[in-house]
Amino acid sequence: MSHQPTETPDHLHDGHHHHHHGRGGALGSAVREVFAPHSHDAADAVDDALASSAAGIRAVKISLLTLGATAIAQIVIVVVSGSVALLADTIHNFSDALTAIPLWIAFALGTRAATRRYTYGFGRAEDLAGLFVLVMIAASAVVAGIESIRRLLDPVPVQHVGWVALAGLVGFLGNEVVAVYRIRVGRRIGSAALVADGLHARTDGFTSLAVLLGAGAVALGFPLADPVIGLVITVAILAVLRTAARDVFRRLMDGVDPTYVDAAEAALAAEPGVTGVRSVRMRWIGHRLHADAELDVDPGLRLSDAHRIAHDAEHALTHAVPRLASALVHAYPEHAGSGRS
């Protein structure tokens, strides 16, 4: 009974409708928000799909420049001081800066129009870029861990402790600015990959503060504190990897927040003329959410009435679910088989 819609106003002749719509204890909670920020897959919306991709590209450009400058400043001090904790932090900063490149490419691809081969467009490239982010996080954890263990077994004196402390402070400020910006833009446009990358940068910022602590401990006469802090950084990176991997793989497996499905089912069931909701399916493709719903209607309705019900239900769906880019609603006579002709 259903077919693929076109973009013409009269594209629905069998009771379904297609539409594109843009949108619109305390300490423990604060810690969780820092390392695993709460998310319902996205928050606010950007009104235009191209505008949202442009916002993502702008975010990765700015973060690439900021983190690149931060990492270069730190590597100079690493060479002078020999601090392994600072080296671990700097390696992570460089990897974090490099993750902006595949995201940049993915956002640019996402602006391309759909083709007959890629009928949903190229938004999935953004989710694949998220895998690169995970690989870079994992690689930085391995390098930092190995280097820290090596320095524990073969300690090397840390020189210019004051400069190391300053570099840690610079690393924190640079990363936190980037983290806030990436997470804010990622949530606004609904990009799991960009939010994960922002979380990566945030952890880098706090591990830079750990470098500060290590430098202070070395100054007080505890030289092994430097590689120990390096191991702490490694553990923090692994914690971020776990959170980022969860979010990225959920996107790749078409996972959505169940509350979105609940809201969609409630909104559709409440629509006049709808006698039942057969199914609601949703998926993220990049930073755009798509929905497909099947409804039961009175079998005695005229086709035009079924069309109107599907149209109204679709609008109810786009208002009930934030970040919904498109909805395809199918209306079937009640008690009819679920197969489509």
C-alpha atoms as a PDB file:
ATOM      1  CA  MET A   1       0.000   0.000   0.000  1.00  0.00           C
ATOM      2  CA  SER A   2       2.946   2.332   0.403  1.00  0.00           C
ATOM      3  CA  HIS A   3       5.500   3.740  -1.974  1.00  0.00           C
ATOM      4  CA  GLN A   4       8.501   6.027  -1.857  1.00  0.00           C
ATOM      5  CA  PRO A   5       7.387   9.674  -1.687  1.00  0.00           C
ATOM      6  CA  THR A   6       8.548  12.379  -4.037  1.00  0.00           C
ATOM      7  CA  GLU A   7       8.895  16.047  -3.308  1.00  0.00           C
ATOM      8  CA  THR A   8       5.754  17.137  -5.167  1.00  0.00           C
ATOM      9  CA  PRO A   9       2.816  18.421  -3.080  1.00  0.00           C
ATOM     10  CA  ASP A  10       0.563  15.577  -4.188  1.00  0.00           C
ATOM     11  CA  HIS A  11       3.111  12.839  -3.576  1.00  0.00           C
ATOM     12  CA  LEU A  12       0.777  10.914  -1.243  1.00  0.00           C
ATOM     13  CA  HIS A  13      -1.934   8.984  -3.024  1.00  0.00           C
ATOM     14  CA  ASP A  14      -2.219   5.983  -0.728  1.00  0.00           C
ATOM     15  CA  GLY A  15      -2.368   7.303   2.823  1.00  0.00           C
ATOM     16  CA  HIS A  16       1.151   8.238   3.868  1.00  0.00           C
ATOM     17  CA  HIS A  17       3.087  11.438   3.911  1.00  0.00           C
ATOM     18  CA  HIS A  18       6.715  12.513   3.815  1.00  0.00           C
ATOM     19  CA  HIS A  19       7.972  15.647   5.477  1.00  0.00           C
ATOM     20  CA  HIS A  20      11.290  17.349   6.304  1.00  0.00           C
ATOM     21  CA  HIS A  21      11.275  19.429   9.452  1.00  0.00           C
ATOM     22  CA  GLY A  22      14.021  21.318  11.234  1.00  0.00           C
ATOM     23  CA  ARG A  23      14.022  22.429  14.966  1.00  0.00           C
ATOM     24  CA  GLY A  24      13.498  23.855  17.092  1.00  0.00           C
ATOM     25  CA  GLY A  25      24.129  14.456  44.801  1.00  0.00           C
ATOM     26  CA  ALA A  26      25.217  17.613  43.049  1.00  0.00           C
ATOM     27  CA  LEU A  27      28.970  16.922  43.012  1.00  0.00           C
ATOM     28  CA  GLY A  28      28.486  13.417  41.606  1.00  0.00           C
ATOM     29  CA  SER A  29      26.188  14.738  38.907  1.00  0.00           C
ATOM     30  CA  ALA A  30      28.715  17.411  38.004  1.00  0.00           C
ATOM     31  CA  VAL A  31      31.500  14.835  37.681  1.00  0.00           C
ATOM     32  CA  ARG A  32      29.317  12.560  35.540  1.00  0.00           C
ATOM     33  CA  GLU A  33      28.380  15.499  33.334  1.00  0.00           C
ATOM     34  CA  VAL A  34      32.059  16.266  32.780  1.00  0.00           C
ATOM     35  CA  PHE A  35      33.126  12.762  31.741  1.00  0.00           C
ATOM     36  CA  ALA A  36      29.826  11.383  30.380  1.00  0.00           C
ATOM     37  CA  PRO A  37      27.515  14.300  29.583  1.00  0.00           C
ATOM     38  CA  HIS A  38      23.826  13.462  29.696  1.00  0.00           C
ATOM     39  CA  SER A  39      22.185  13.367  26.318  1.00  0.00           C
ATOM     40  CA  HIS A  40      18.885  12.475  24.697  1.00  0.00           C
ATOM     41  CA  ASP A  41      20.728  11.990  21.400  1.00  0.00           C
ATOM     42  CA  ALA A  42      20.414  15.724  20.757  1.00  0.00           C
ATOM     43  CA  ALA A  43      18.864  18.798  22.224  1.00  0.00           C
ATOM     44  CA  ASP A  44      17.998  21.879  20.255  1.00  0.00           C
ATOM     45  CA  ALA A  45      17.823  22.053  16.499  1.00  0.00           C
ATOM     46  CA  VAL A  46      19.261  24.000  13.643  1.00  0.00           C
ATOM     47  CA  ASP A  47      16.551  25.087  11.238  1.00  0.00           C
ATOM     48  CA  ASP A  48      18.358  24.157   8.060  1.00  0.00           C
ATOM     49  CA  ALA A  49      20.253  20.954   7.277  1.00  0.00           C
ATOM     50  CA  LEU A  50      22.993  22.806   5.421  1.00  0.00           C
ATOM     51  CA  ALA A  51      23.303  25.284   8.278  1.00  0.00           C
ATOM     52  CA  SER A  52      23.800  22.447  10.766  1.00  0.00           C
ATOM     53  CA  SER A  53      26.562  20.904   8.650  1.00  0.00           C
ATOM     54  CA  ALA A  54      28.199  24.317   8.261  1.00  0.00           C
ATOM     55  CA  ALA A  55      28.092  24.730  12.046  1.00  0.00           C
ATOM     56  CA  GLY A  56      29.834  21.368  12.430  1.00  0.00           C
ATOM     57  CA  ILE A  57      32.540  22.310   9.931  1.00  0.00           C
ATOM     58  CA  ARG A  58      33.089  25.631  11.688  1.00  0.00           C
ATOM     59  CA  ALA A  59      33.405  23.828  15.034  1.00  0.00           C
ATOM     60  CA  VAL A  60      36.076  21.416  13.790  1.00  0.00           C
ATOM     61  CA  LYS A  61      38.026  24.202  12.083  1.00  0.00           C
ATOM     62  CA  ILE A  62      38.175  26.306  15.238  1.00  0.00           C
ATOM     63  CA  SER A  63      38.973  23.333  17.464  1.00  0.00           C
ATOM     64  CA  LEU A  64      41.718  22.150  15.092  1.00  0.00           C
ATOM     65  CA  LEU A  65      43.442  25.534  15.235  1.00  0.00           C
ATOM     66  CA  THR A  66      43.034  25.889  19.003  1.00  0.00           C
ATOM     67  CA  LEU A  67      44.231  22.400  19.919  1.00  0.00           C
ATOM     68  CA  GLY A  68      47.037  22.546  17.372  1.00  0.00           C
ATOM     69  CA  ALA A  69      48.389  25.726  18.924  1.00  0.00           C
ATOM     70  CA  THR A  70      48.013  24.263  22.427  1.00  0.00           C
ATOM     71  CA  ALA A  71      49.838  21.048  21.521  1.00  0.00           C
ATOM     72  CA  ILE A  72      52.707  22.881  19.784  1.00  0.00           C
ATOM     73  CA  ALA A  73      53.231  25.057  22.846  1.00  0.00           C
ATOM     74  CA  GLN A  74      53.293  21.972  25.049  1.00  0.00           C
ATOM     75  CA  ILE A  75      55.690  19.931  22.893  1.00  0.00           C
ATOM     76  CA  VAL A  76      58.304  22.675  23.135  1.00  0.00           C
ATOM     77  CA  ILE A  77      58.173  22.431  26.929  1.00  0.00           C
ATOM     78  CA  VAL A  78      58.262  18.605  26.763  1.00  0.00           C
ATOM     79  CA  VAL A  79      61.566  18.760  24.894  1.00  0.00           C
ATOM     80  CA  VAL A  80      63.028  21.153  27.455  1.00  0.00           C
ATOM     81  CA  SER A  81      61.653  19.506  30.617  1.00  0.00           C
ATOM     82  CA  GLY A  82      61.533  15.779  29.855  1.00  0.00           C
ATOM     83  CA  SER A  83      58.160  15.407  31.655  1.00  0.00           C
ATOM     84  CA  VAL A  84      56.434  12.136  30.745  1.00  0.00           C
ATOM     85  CA  ALA A  85      53.115  13.312  32.155  1.00  0.00           C
ATOM     86  CA  LEU A  86      53.274  16.353  29.933  1.00  0.00           C
ATOM     87  CA  LEU A  87      54.364  14.155  27.009  1.00  0.00           C
ATOM     88  CA  ALA A  88      51.328  11.905  27.530  1.00  0.00           C
ATOM     89  CA  ASP A  89      49.060  14.922  27.684  1.00  0.00           C
ATOM     90  CA  THR A  90      50.642  16.469  24.583  1.00  0.00           C
ATOM     91  CA  ILE A  91      50.289  13.243  22.584  1.00  0.00           C
ATOM     92  CA  HIS A  92      46.639  13.165  23.506  1.00  0.00           C
ATOM     93  CA  ASN A  93      46.236  16.799  22.485  1.00  0.00           C
ATOM     94  CA  PHE A  94      47.752  16.112  19.071  1.00  0.00           C
ATOM     95  CA  SER A  95      45.477  13.098  18.547  1.00  0.00           C
ATOM     96  CA  ASP A  96      42.496  15.167  19.648  1.00  0.00           C
ATOM     97  CA  ALA A  97      43.381  17.871  17.133  1.00  0.00           C
ATOM     98  CA  LEU A  98      43.726  15.306  14.337  1.00  0.00           C
ATOM     99  CA  THR A  99      40.249  13.896  14.974  1.00  0.00           C
ATOM    100  CA  ALA A 100      38.881  17.172  13.627  1.00  0.00           C
ATOM    101  CA  ILE A 101      40.057  16.272  10.118  1.00  0.00           C
ATOM    102  CA  PRO A 102      37.805  13.226   9.444  1.00  0.00           C
ATOM    103  CA  LEU A 103      34.914  15.059  11.081  1.00  0.00           C
ATOM    104  CA  TRP A 104      35.505  18.000   8.757  1.00  0.00           C
ATOM    105  CA  ILE A 105      35.426  15.645   5.750  1.00  0.00           C
ATOM    106  CA  ALA A 106      32.294  13.912   7.066  1.00  0.00           C
ATOM    107  CA  PHE A 107      30.383  17.161   7.588  1.00  0.00           C
ATOM    108  CA  ALA A 108      31.358  18.287   4.088  1.00  0.00           C
ATOM    109  CA  LEU A 109      30.148  14.984   2.608  1.00  0.00           C
ATOM    110  CA  GLY A 110      26.908  15.325   4.560  1.00  0.00           C
ATOM    111  CA  THR A 111      26.014  18.453   2.600  1.00  0.00           C
ATOM    112  CA  ARG A 112      25.940  16.521  -0.685  1.00  0.00           C
ATOM    113  CA  ALA A 113      22.562  15.684  -2.136  1.00  0.00           C
ATOM    114  CA  ALA A 114      21.242  12.120  -2.094  1.00  0.00           C
ATOM    115  CA  THR A 115      21.837  10.041  -5.207  1.00  0.00           C
ATOM    116  CA  ARG A 116      20.150   7.009  -6.718  1.00  0.00           C
ATOM    117  CA  ARG A 117      22.793   4.841  -5.053  1.00  0.00           C
ATOM    118  CA  TYR A 118      22.943   6.678  -1.722  1.00  0.00           C
ATOM    119  CA  THR A 119      19.260   7.471  -1.382  1.00  0.00           C
ATOM    120  CA  TYR A 120      19.575   8.649   2.230  1.00  0.00           C
ATOM    121  CA  GLY A 121      22.453  10.950   1.367  1.00  0.00           C
ATOM    122  CA  PHE A 122      25.928  10.864   2.899  1.00  0.00           C
ATOM    123  CA  GLY A 123      25.185  11.629   6.536  1.00  0.00           C
ATOM    124  CA  ARG A 124      26.426   8.206   7.648  1.00  0.00           C
ATOM    125  CA  ALA A 125      29.984   9.388   6.914  1.00  0.00           C
ATOM    126  CA  GLU A 126      29.721  11.375  10.129  1.00  0.00           C
ATOM    127  CA  ASP A 127      29.044   8.194  12.121  1.00  0.00           C
ATOM    128  CA  LEU A 128      31.992   6.475  10.430  1.00  0.00           C
ATOM    129  CA  ALA A 129      34.193   9.426  11.382  1.00  0.00           C
ATOM    130  CA  GLY A 130      33.196   8.694  14.950  1.00  0.00           C
ATOM    131  CA  LEU A 131      35.033   5.376  14.608  1.00  0.00           C
ATOM    132  CA  PHE A 132      38.212   7.271  13.755  1.00  0.00           C
ATOM    133  CA  VAL A 133      37.726   9.331  16.897  1.00  0.00           C
ATOM    134  CA  LEU A 134      37.558   6.099  18.913  1.00  0.00           C
ATOM    135  CA  VAL A 135      40.731   4.752  17.291  1.00  0.00           C
ATOM    136  CA  MET A 136      42.626   7.950  18.085  1.00  0.00           C
ATOM    137  CA  ILE A 137      41.453   7.910  21.710  1.00  0.00           C
ATOM    138  CA  ALA A 138      42.530   4.271  22.067  1.00  0.00           C
ATOM    139  CA  ALA A 139      45.909   4.936  20.433  1.00  0.00           C
ATOM    140  CA  SER A 140      46.645   7.851  22.732  1.00  0.00           C
ATOM    141  CA  ALA A 141      45.819   5.665  25.763  1.00  0.00           C
ATOM    142  CA  VAL A 142      48.244   2.964  24.586  1.00  0.00           C
ATOM    143  CA  VAL A 143      51.092   5.417  23.931  1.00  0.00           C
ATOM    144  CA  ALA A 144      50.598   7.266  27.203  1.00  0.00           C
ATOM    145  CA  GLY A 145      50.417   4.027  29.181  1.00  0.00           C
ATOM    146  CA  ILE A 146      53.530   2.500  27.643  1.00  0.00           C
ATOM    147  CA  GLU A 147      55.569   5.663  28.102  1.00  0.00           C
ATOM    148  CA  SER A 148      54.462   6.040  31.722  1.00  0.00           C
ATOM    149  CA  ILE A 149      55.420   2.446  32.584  1.00  0.00           C
ATOM    150  CA  ARG A 150      58.783   2.899  30.878  1.00  0.00           C
ATOM    151  CA  ARG A 151      59.489   5.996  32.965  1.00  0.00           C
ATOM    152  CA  LEU A 152      58.443   4.180  36.145  1.00  0.00           C
ATOM    153  CA  LEU A 153      60.988   1.448  35.397  1.00  0.00           C
ATOM    154  CA  ASP A 154      63.656   3.895  34.228  1.00  0.00           C
ATOM    155  CA  PRO A 155      63.009   7.280  35.888  1.00  0.00           C
ATOM    156  CA  VAL A 156      64.230  10.429  34.159  1.00  0.00           C
ATOM    157  CA  PRO A 157      64.550  13.705  36.096  1.00  0.00           C
ATOM    158  CA  VAL A 158      61.975  16.371  35.236  1.00  0.00           C
ATOM    159  CA  GLN A 159      63.529  19.745  34.494  1.00  0.00           C
ATOM    160  CA  HIS A 160      61.930  23.200  34.530  1.00  0.00           C
ATOM    161  CA  VAL A 161      59.007  22.157  36.728  1.00  0.00           C
ATOM    162  CA  GLY A 162      57.520  25.641  36.625  1.00  0.00           C
ATOM    163  CA  TRP A 163      57.306  25.537  32.842  1.00  0.00           C
ATOM    164  CA  VAL A 164      55.695  22.084  33.017  1.00  0.00           C
ATOM    165  CA  ALA A 165      53.063  23.454  35.385  1.00  0.00           C
ATOM    166  CA  LEU A 166      52.425  26.377  33.055  1.00  0.00           C
ATOM    167  CA  ALA A 167      52.075  23.993  30.100  1.00  0.00           C
ATOM    168  CA  GLY A 168      49.546  21.953  32.055  1.00  0.00           C
ATOM    169  CA  LEU A 169      47.516  25.082  32.706  1.00  0.00           C
ATOM    170  CA  VAL A 170      47.682  26.066  29.020  1.00  0.00           C
ATOM    171  CA  GLY A 171      46.576  22.574  28.047  1.00  0.00           C
ATOM    172  CA  PHE A 172      43.603  22.725  30.392  1.00  0.00           C
ATOM    173  CA  LEU A 173      42.412  26.108  29.153  1.00  0.00           C
ATOM    174  CA  GLY A 174      42.821  25.244  25.465  1.00  0.00           C
ATOM    175  CA  ASN A 175      41.064  21.896  25.787  1.00  0.00           C
ATOM    176  CA  GLU A 176      38.213  23.141  27.933  1.00  0.00           C
ATOM    177  CA  VAL A 177      37.434  25.946  25.474  1.00  0.00           C
ATOM    178  CA  VAL A 178      37.364  23.404  22.644  1.00  0.00           C
ATOM    179  CA  ALA A 179      35.350  20.898  24.700  1.00  0.00           C
ATOM    180  CA  VAL A 180      32.635  23.392  25.601  1.00  0.00           C
ATOM    181  CA  TYR A 181      32.401  24.536  22.002  1.00  0.00           C
ATOM    182  CA  ARG A 182      32.343  21.044  20.461  1.00  0.00           C
ATOM    183  CA  ILE A 183      29.814  19.651  22.916  1.00  0.00           C
ATOM    184  CA  ARG A 184      27.542  22.676  22.590  1.00  0.00           C
ATOM    185  CA  VAL A 185      27.569  22.596  18.791  1.00  0.00           C
ATOM    186  CA  GLY A 186      27.343  18.793  18.720  1.00  0.00           C
ATOM    187  CA  ARG A 187      24.247  18.811  20.903  1.00  0.00           C
ATOM    188  CA  ARG A 188      22.705  21.663  18.961  1.00  0.00           C
ATOM    189  CA  ILE A 189      23.029  19.888  15.617  1.00  0.00           C
ATOM    190  CA  GLY A 190      22.597  16.351  16.979  1.00  0.00           C
ATOM    191  CA  SER A 191      26.091  15.020  16.148  1.00  0.00           C
ATOM    192  CA  ALA A 192      27.192  12.113  18.353  1.00  0.00           C
ATOM    193  CA  ALA A 193      30.648  12.149  16.786  1.00  0.00           C
ATOM    194  CA  LEU A 194      31.195  15.833  17.554  1.00  0.00           C
ATOM    195  CA  VAL A 195      29.926  15.439  21.131  1.00  0.00           C
ATOM    196  CA  ALA A 196      32.251  12.446  21.618  1.00  0.00           C
ATOM    197  CA  ASP A 197      35.140  14.501  20.295  1.00  0.00           C
ATOM    198  CA  GLY A 198      34.225  17.305  22.686  1.00  0.00           C
ATOM    199  CA  LEU A 199      34.214  14.835  25.567  1.00  0.00           C
ATOM    200  CA  HIS A 200      37.644  13.700  24.403  1.00  0.00           C
ATOM    201  CA  ALA A 201      38.897  17.289  24.569  1.00  0.00           C
ATOM    202  CA  ARG A 202      37.350  17.819  28.007  1.00  0.00           C
ATOM    203  CA  THR A 203      39.179  14.839  29.440  1.00  0.00           C
ATOM    204  CA  ASP A 204      42.371  16.174  27.886  1.00  0.00           C
ATOM    205  CA  GLY A 205      41.777  19.392  29.792  1.00  0.00           C
ATOM    206  CA  PHE A 206      41.405  17.664  33.122  1.00  0.00           C
ATOM    207  CA  THR A 207      44.417  15.460  32.503  1.00  0.00           C
ATOM    208  CA  SER A 208      46.339  18.671  31.831  1.00  0.00           C
ATOM    209  CA  LEU A 209      45.372  19.690  35.352  1.00  0.00           C
ATOM    210  CA  ALA A 210      46.785  16.348  36.460  1.00  0.00           C
ATOM    211  CA  VAL A 211      50.072  17.414  34.861  1.00  0.00           C
ATOM    212  CA  LEU A 212      49.927  20.479  37.079  1.00  0.00           C
ATOM    213  CA  LEU A 213      49.581  18.227  40.126  1.00  0.00           C
ATOM    214  CA  GLY A 214      52.454  16.053  38.950  1.00  0.00           C
ATOM    215  CA  ALA A 215      54.689  19.071  38.523  1.00  0.00           C
ATOM    216  CA  GLY A 216      53.791  20.222  42.009  1.00  0.00           C
ATOM    217  CA  ALA A 217      54.594  16.799  43.463  1.00  0.00           C
ATOM    218  CA  VAL A 218      57.962  16.731  41.677  1.00  0.00           C
ATOM    219  CA  ALA A 219      58.746  20.172  43.066  1.00  0.00           C
ATOM    220  CA  LEU A 220      57.982  18.847  46.567  1.00  0.00           C
ATOM    221  CA  GLY A 221      60.435  15.975  46.151  1.00  0.00           C
ATOM    222  CA  PHE A 222      58.349  13.139  44.697  1.00  0.00           C
ATOM    223  CA  PRO A 223      59.886  12.503  41.253  1.00  0.00           C
ATOM    224  CA  LEU A 224      57.884   9.310  40.594  1.00  0.00           C
ATOM    225  CA  ALA A 225      54.709  11.380  40.704  1.00  0.00           C
ATOM    226  CA  ASP A 226      55.302  12.348  37.069  1.00  0.00           C
ATOM    227  CA  PRO A 227      54.964   8.835  35.563  1.00  0.00           C
ATOM    228  CA  VAL A 228      52.229   7.986  38.079  1.00  0.00           C
ATOM    229  CA  ILE A 229      50.221  10.949  36.821  1.00  0.00           C
ATOM    230  CA  GLY A 230      50.905   9.656  33.313  1.00  0.00           C
ATOM    231  CA  LEU A 231      49.176   6.395  34.297  1.00  0.00           C
ATOM    232  CA  VAL A 232      46.278   8.345  35.772  1.00  0.00           C
ATOM    233  CA  ILE A 233      45.943  10.118  32.435  1.00  0.00           C
ATOM    234  CA  THR A 234      45.876   6.724  30.693  1.00  0.00           C
ATOM    235  CA  VAL A 235      43.008   5.541  32.908  1.00  0.00           C
ATOM    236  CA  ALA A 236      41.105   8.776  32.259  1.00  0.00           C
ATOM    237  CA  ILE A 237      41.524   8.319  28.506  1.00  0.00           C
ATOM    238  CA  LEU A 238      40.158   4.765  28.771  1.00  0.00           C
ATOM    239  CA  ALA A 239      37.136   6.081  30.684  1.00  0.00           C
ATOM    240  CA  VAL A 240      36.424   8.524  27.868  1.00  0.00           C
ATOM    241  CA  LEU A 241      36.918   5.753  25.311  1.00  0.00           C
ATOM    242  CA  ARG A 242      34.193   3.706  26.969  1.00  0.00           C
ATOM    243  CA  THR A 243      31.666   6.556  26.920  1.00  0.00           C
ATOM    244  CA  ALA A 244      32.518   7.654  23.384  1.00  0.00           C
ATOM    245  CA  ALA A 245      32.403   4.077  22.056  1.00  0.00           C
ATOM    246  CA  ARG A 246      28.958   3.555  23.558  1.00  0.00           C
ATOM    247  CA  ASP A 247      27.538   6.648  21.874  1.00  0.00           C
ATOM    248  CA  VAL A 248      29.188   6.083  18.492  1.00  0.00           C
ATOM    249  CA  PHE A 249      28.212   2.410  18.259  1.00  0.00           C
ATOM    250  CA  ARG A 250      24.636   3.212  19.247  1.00  0.00           C
ATOM    251  CA  ARG A 251      24.471   5.534  16.266  1.00  0.00           C
ATOM    252  CA  LEU A 252      25.968   2.929  13.934  1.00  0.00           C
ATOM    253  CA  MET A 253      23.383   0.400  15.157  1.00  0.00           C
ATOM    254  CA  ASP A 254      20.520   2.882  14.585  1.00  0.00           C
ATOM    255  CA  GLY A 255      19.995   3.307  18.315  1.00  0.00           C
ATOM    256  CA  VAL A 256      17.779   6.134  19.554  1.00  0.00           C
ATOM    257  CA  ASP A 257      16.662   7.309  22.958  1.00  0.00           C
ATOM    258  CA  PRO A 258      13.599   5.136  23.854  1.00  0.00           C
ATOM    259  CA  THR A 259      11.833   8.222  25.193  1.00  0.00           C
ATOM    260  CA  TYR A 260      11.714   9.507  21.615  1.00  0.00           C
ATOM    261  CA  VAL A 261       9.826   6.378  20.569  1.00  0.00           C
ATOM    262  CA  ASP A 262       7.497   6.697  23.566  1.00  0.00           C
ATOM    263  CA  ALA A 263       6.771  10.332  22.712  1.00  0.00           C
ATOM    264  CA  ALA A 264       6.149   9.474  19.066  1.00  0.00           C
ATOM    265  CA  GLU A 265       3.753   6.616  19.891  1.00  0.00           C
ATOM    266  CA  ALA A 266       1.813   8.773  22.358  1.00  0.00           C
ATOM    267  CA  ALA A 267       1.538  11.667  19.918  1.00  0.00           C
ATOM    268  CA  LEU A 268       0.399   9.443  17.050  1.00  0.00           C
ATOM    269  CA  ALA A 269      -2.108   7.488  19.156  1.00  0.00           C
ATOM    270  CA  ALA A 270      -3.692  10.752  20.323  1.00  0.00           C
ATOM    271  CA  GLU A 271      -4.391  11.954  16.787  1.00  0.00           C
ATOM    272  CA  PRO A 272      -8.090  12.009  15.771  1.00  0.00           C
ATOM    273  CA  GLY A 273      -8.880   9.197  13.346  1.00  0.00           C
ATOM    274  CA  VAL A 274      -5.957   6.994  14.396  1.00  0.00           C
ATOM    275  CA  THR A 275      -7.262   3.704  15.826  1.00  0.00           C
ATOM    276  CA  GLY A 276      -3.868   2.176  16.521  1.00  0.00           C
ATOM    277  CA  VAL A 277      -0.127   2.566  16.133  1.00  0.00           C
ATOM    278  CA  ARG A 278       1.375  -0.492  14.467  1.00  0.00           C
ATOM    279  CA  SER A 279       5.007   0.518  14.628  1.00  0.00           C
ATOM    280  CA  VAL A 280       7.404   3.429  15.009  1.00  0.00           C
ATOM    281  CA  ARG A 281      10.964   3.152  13.750  1.00  0.00           C
ATOM    282  CA  MET A 282      13.652   5.812  14.047  1.00  0.00           C
ATOM    283  CA  ARG A 283      17.272   6.134  13.046  1.00  0.00           C
ATOM    284  CA  TRP A 284      20.005   8.722  13.132  1.00  0.00           C
ATOM    285  CA  ILE A 285      21.899   9.293   9.910  1.00  0.00           C
ATOM    286  CA  GLY A 286      24.719  11.586  10.906  1.00  0.00           C
ATOM    287  CA  HIS A 287      23.119  14.401  12.864  1.00  0.00           C
ATOM    288  CA  ARG A 288      19.674  14.031  11.305  1.00  0.00           C
ATOM    289  CA  LEU A 289      16.881  11.929  12.811  1.00  0.00           C
ATOM    290  CA  HIS A 290      14.448  10.074  10.562  1.00  0.00           C
ATOM    291  CA  ALA A 291      11.186   8.329  11.503  1.00  0.00           C
ATOM    292  CA  ASP A 292       8.895   5.780   9.852  1.00  0.00           C
ATOM    293  CA  ALA A 293       5.489   5.022  11.377  1.00  0.00           C
ATOM    294  CA  GLU A 294       2.562   2.732  10.511  1.00  0.00           C
ATOM    295  CA  LEU A 295      -0.938   3.613  11.696  1.00  0.00           C
ATOM    296  CA  ASP A 296      -4.337   1.918  11.698  1.00  0.00           C
ATOM    297  CA  VAL A 297      -7.344   3.956  10.553  1.00  0.00           C
ATOM    298  CA  ASP A 298     -11.029   3.201  10.034  1.00  0.00           C
ATOM    299  CA  PRO A 299     -11.283   0.927   6.958  1.00  0.00           C
ATOM    300  CA  GLY A 300     -14.401   2.808   5.848  1.00  0.00           C
ATOM    301  CA  LEU A 301     -12.555   6.095   5.383  1.00  0.00           C
ATOM    302  CA  ARG A 302     -12.144   7.647   1.971  1.00  0.00           C
ATOM    303  CA  LEU A 303      -8.600   7.873   0.642  1.00  0.00           C
ATOM    304  CA  SER A 304      -8.583  11.650   1.032  1.00  0.00           C
ATOM    305  CA  ASP A 305      -9.547  11.306   4.708  1.00  0.00           C
ATOM    306  CA  ALA A 306      -6.803   8.729   5.284  1.00  0.00           C
ATOM    307  CA  HIS A 307      -4.372  11.131   3.649  1.00  0.00           C
ATOM    308  CA  ARG A 308      -5.478  13.948   5.954  1.00  0.00           C
ATOM    309  CA  ILE A 309      -5.068  11.769   9.047  1.00  0.00           C
ATOM    310  CA  ALA A 310      -1.569  10.718   7.963  1.00  0.00           C
ATOM    311  CA  HIS A 311      -0.699  14.346   7.236  1.00  0.00           C
ATOM    312  CA  ASP A 312      -1.918  15.518  10.649  1.00  0.00           C
ATOM    313  CA  ALA A 313      -0.192  12.616  12.396  1.00  0.00           C
ATOM    314  CA  GLU A 314       3.049  13.482  10.669  1.00  0.00           C
ATOM    315  CA  HIS A 315       2.922  17.055  11.913  1.00  0.00           C
ATOM    316  CA  ALA A 316       2.146  15.820  15.419  1.00  0.00           C
ATOM    317  CA  LEU A 317       5.198  13.571  15.166  1.00  0.00           C
ATOM    318  CA  THR A 318       7.539  16.373  14.106  1.00  0.00           C
ATOM    319  CA  HIS A 319       6.383  18.474  17.048  1.00  0.00           C
ATOM    320  CA  ALA A 320       6.603  15.634  19.577  1.00  0.00           C
ATOM    321  CA  VAL A 321      10.126  14.502  18.653  1.00  0.00           C
ATOM    322  CA  PRO A 322      13.019  17.003  18.730  1.00  0.00           C
ATOM    323  CA  ARG A 323      15.639  16.929  15.966  1.00  0.00           C
ATOM    324  CA  LEU A 324      13.327  15.075  13.566  1.00  0.00           C
ATOM    325  CA  ALA A 325      14.525  15.843  10.028  1.00  0.00           C
ATOM    326  CA  SER A 326      12.008  13.696   8.171  1.00  0.00           C
ATOM    327  CA  ALA A 327       8.943  11.550   8.843  1.00  0.00           C
ATOM    328  CA  LEU A 328       7.217   8.975   6.666  1.00  0.00           C
ATOM    329  CA  VAL A 329       3.768   8.033   7.955  1.00  0.00           C
ATOM    330  CA  HIS A 330       1.790   5.127   6.490  1.00  0.00           C
ATOM    331  CA  ALA A 331      -1.952   4.764   7.104  1.00  0.00           C
ATOM    332  CA  TYR A 332      -3.561   1.318   6.703  1.00  0.00           C
ATOM    333  CA  PRO A 333      -7.161   0.126   7.106  1.00  0.00           C
ATOM    334  CA  GLU A 334      -7.607  -1.356  10.558  1.00  0.00           C
ATOM    335  CA  HIS A 335      -7.381  -5.169  10.710  1.00  0.00           C
ATOM    336  CA  ALA A 336      -5.699  -5.281   7.289  1.00  0.00           C
ATOM    337  CA  GLY A 337      -2.510  -7.325   6.948  1.00  0.00           C
ATOM    338  CA  SER A 338       0.755  -5.592   7.632  1.00  0.00           C
ATOM    339  CA  GLY A 339       2.203  -6.479   4.237  1.00  0.00           C
ATOM    340  CA  ARG A 340       2.542  -3.749   1.642  1.00  0.00           C
ATOM    341  CA  SER A 341       1.396  -4.038  -1.919  1.00  0.00           C
END
